[in-house]
Amino acid sequence: MTTTLYRLIEATELQLIEQSGWKRFPPRLTSVIYFHPTLTEAYALEIAKEWFTPPYSQGYVIRFEMNTEFLKAYPPRKAFSNPNEYWIPIEDMGAVNEQLSGLIAVIHRNE
């Protein structure tokens, strides 16, 4: 069983995901210590509107499937009023990539 998740990314990360054949996330590109996929497309779009404001930056919302059993180790956290995102430590990114099912897809572009 899989869970559909969403995430916003910038162009550099998008290029690296594309280079993987849309199958893997790259090692972290910044000093962020958590991988933050969201549970809903609406929440990912809300964040994207706040963070990626043209003409200053461009961003993308992606959708991907992950093994539901794996996610049980990371209970969803509240970013605002609802539990709506996972906080997966960056050191677990190898396991994250192993738990992906199918391809990562770009579903929205904010350019």
Protein backbone atom coordinates (compact mmCIF):
# COMPACT_ATOMS: atom_id res chain seq x y z
CA MET A 1 0.00 0.00 0.00
CA THR A 2 1.24 3.50 -0.80
CA THR A 3 0.49 7.03 0.31
CA THR A 4 0.39 9.94 -2.12
CA LEU A 5 2.57 12.83 -0.99
CA TYR A 6 3.43 16.28 -2.33
CA ARG A 7 6.42 18.54 -2.05
CA LEU A 8 7.57 21.86 -3.38
CA ILE A 9 10.99 22.10 -4.96
CA GLU A 10 13.16 24.58 -6.81
CA ALA A 11 14.61 24.26 -10.31
CA THR A 12 17.96 22.82 -9.21
CA GLU A 13 16.31 19.93 -7.37
CA LEU A 14 13.93 19.40 -10.28
CA GLN A 15 16.88 18.94 -12.65
CA LEU A 16 18.46 16.35 -10.36
CA ILE A 17 15.19 14.43 -10.02
CA GLU A 18 14.83 14.47 -13.81
CA GLN A 19 18.40 13.15 -14.17
CA SER A 20 17.42 10.19 -11.95
CA GLY A 21 14.70 9.26 -14.44
CA TRP A 22 12.08 10.71 -12.05
CA LYS A 23 12.81 7.91 -9.57
CA ARG A 24 14.88 9.43 -6.74
CA PHE A 25 15.37 12.52 -4.66
CA PRO A 26 18.90 13.96 -4.64
CA PRO A 27 20.98 14.42 -1.51
CA ARG A 28 19.95 17.60 0.28
CA LEU A 29 21.15 20.74 -1.42
CA THR A 30 20.87 23.02 1.60
CA SER A 31 21.38 22.90 5.34
CA VAL A 32 17.77 21.83 5.95
CA ILE A 33 17.74 18.87 8.34
CA TYR A 34 14.33 17.42 7.42
CA PHE A 35 12.64 16.20 4.26
CA HIS A 36 9.12 17.71 4.40
CA PRO A 37 6.57 16.02 2.14
CA THR A 38 2.98 17.18 2.62
CA LEU A 39 -0.20 15.13 2.82
CA THR A 40 -2.30 17.31 0.54
CA GLU A 41 -1.86 19.04 -2.76
CA ALA A 42 -3.74 22.06 -1.42
CA TYR A 43 -1.23 22.56 1.39
CA ALA A 44 1.72 22.18 -1.00
CA LEU A 45 0.17 24.81 -3.29
CA GLU A 46 -0.42 27.14 -0.33
CA ILE A 47 3.25 26.92 0.65
CA ALA A 48 4.36 27.36 -2.96
CA LYS A 49 2.39 30.61 -3.27
CA GLU A 50 4.13 31.97 -0.18
CA TRP A 51 7.65 30.81 -1.04
CA PHE A 52 7.84 31.01 -4.82
CA THR A 53 6.72 34.44 -5.91
CA PRO A 54 7.49 35.35 -9.52
CA PRO A 55 9.58 37.02 -10.83
CA TYR A 56 11.96 36.37 -7.92
CA SER A 57 11.91 32.60 -7.88
CA GLN A 58 10.40 29.62 -9.60
CA GLY A 59 9.11 26.51 -7.95
CA TYR A 60 7.36 23.27 -8.65
CA VAL A 61 4.93 21.07 -6.75
CA ILE A 62 5.63 17.40 -7.21
CA ARG A 63 3.57 14.30 -6.43
CA PHE A 64 4.94 10.89 -5.52
CA GLU A 65 3.93 7.61 -3.90
CA MET A 66 5.66 6.18 -0.84
CA ASN A 67 5.28 2.95 1.09
CA THR A 68 2.65 3.60 3.79
CA GLU A 69 4.25 1.21 6.28
CA PHE A 70 7.54 3.14 6.09
CA LEU A 71 5.76 6.42 6.89
CA LYS A 72 4.40 5.04 10.17
CA ALA A 73 7.81 5.72 11.73
CA TYR A 74 7.26 9.46 11.09
CA PRO A 75 3.88 10.64 12.41
CA PRO A 76 2.52 13.67 10.51
CA ARG A 77 3.22 16.98 12.25
CA LYS A 78 1.24 20.16 12.41
CA ALA A 79 2.70 23.01 10.44
CA PHE A 80 -0.35 25.18 11.15
CA SER A 81 -3.73 23.86 12.28
CA ASN A 82 -3.77 20.34 10.86
CA PRO A 83 -1.30 17.47 10.82
CA ASN A 84 -0.22 18.00 7.25
CA GLU A 85 3.44 17.16 6.72
CA TYR A 86 6.05 14.59 7.57
CA TRP A 87 9.41 15.52 9.08
CA ILE A 88 11.81 12.84 7.90
CA PRO A 89 15.45 13.34 8.98
CA ILE A 90 17.79 13.97 6.07
CA GLU A 91 19.98 11.05 7.11
CA ASP A 92 17.02 8.80 6.18
CA MET A 93 16.93 9.96 2.54
CA GLY A 94 18.47 6.72 1.29
CA ALA A 95 15.56 4.84 2.88
CA VAL A 96 13.10 7.40 1.48
CA ASN A 97 14.33 6.72 -2.04
CA GLU A 98 14.07 2.97 -1.48
CA GLN A 99 10.43 3.36 -0.38
CA LEU A 100 9.26 5.33 -3.43
CA SER A 101 6.78 3.63 -5.72
CA GLY A 102 6.49 4.74 -9.33
CA LEU A 103 7.72 8.01 -10.73
CA ILE A 104 7.92 11.48 -9.26
CA ALA A 105 5.66 13.84 -11.22
CA VAL A 106 5.55 17.63 -11.55
CA ILE A 107 1.93 18.69 -11.09
CA HIS A 108 2.24 22.50 -10.79
CA ARG A 109 4.74 25.07 -11.99
CA ASN A 110 5.11 28.53 -10.53
CA GLU A 111 7.42 30.37 -12.94
